[in-house]
């Protein structure tokens, strides 16, 4: 593959060749299955439009995402504001560091967002600085089409929380590049509360350096099709990564996350937990979790899990955990997945103590989802999300 236009010089050497036409034409083509072997490119043409045969697209409603397969025209579909201007640095053009220091598009939408975003919003937490209040990035859709790239950089030994708030409606292709430098502690929370007709596909890619910690949380409630795929590389020795997710899919909604946790450095710790609730006809959630423990990741301790609660008939949850281990010298590694309806024993226990069936169901769902809400660590946002869950539950009872 030739070097992509307007991509960082160091990135051109990492691309793998893709021939989409040959892939489709060749009846014997076997798509890449191993998560670490997927090709990358900054040029959307190198990927072509997905066919649905690709391992990373076969659970996604491709027809609905089609507007995101080409670069936006006027690119004015969203507006962006940041609560703390002191951490906003000059916008990053293509080739301007640290944009592209780690980020590599792995699908056509991500490549489109790279090319379509002429300038990337750059949020940088200075070395040794600890922010008392979360930095809130509001991304408000106005009904149009947009491509965006955001770089979040936590300086050495800094500490901060960044919250991405998505609302309104848009057709939005988005890249989020996260760099957590040595000894830093960063939390990134991405909240999707779009209107019902919104289409949002995002690639979050993070690198965590030596003795640094990243907590990454995805909360998806609104939107017609929302696909947020986070990648977290524990690159430095002693680094830690926590990846949590919460989704609540209503009738007709498709909420998806394909999670990739790569243990690269020694003595790294990873924890992945995504939980979802579904209600209504054709409500659909997709979770694909890939964990790679590389050959140099000795002393690794890693676990991933996905839990889904189906509240009504007609809803569907696809859950696929994968674990690849390339060294035998680890502390522990495991994965789990479970999808089911209400626990009859829990309901019986509550009803036996005089609680009505509807109230018992409400308590079970709240108990199931609150686990993730409490990990956010922002009381105002936690309260807001609990109210949103209560509102969703009221629709089941109506």
Foldseek 3Di string as FASTA:
>chain_A
DAADPLAAPVVSVQFDAADVVCQVVDPPHDADDAPVPFGFHLALVRAPQDDLRHPVRVQDPSVLLVVLLAAFDPQPFKDKDKPDCVQWDDWDARNRPPVNVPDTHRHRNQSSLSVNARTATEGEAEAQAEDPDAIEMEIEGDAEEHRYEYEYEYHAQYEHEYEYHYEEAYSYRYEYEYEADHNYEYEYEYAAAYAAAHHYAYEYEYEHAALYEYEYEYEYEHYQEYEYEYEYEDAYANYEYEYEYEYEFEANHEAEYEYEYEDHAEQYEYEAEYEYEYYYAAGEYEYEYEYEYDARHAAYHYEYEYEYEYEYPRYYYHYHYYYHYDYPRYPDYYYYYYYDYDDPVQQCVVVVVVDDSLVSRVVRVCVRRLVRLVVNVDVVVSVVVSVVSVVVSVVVVD
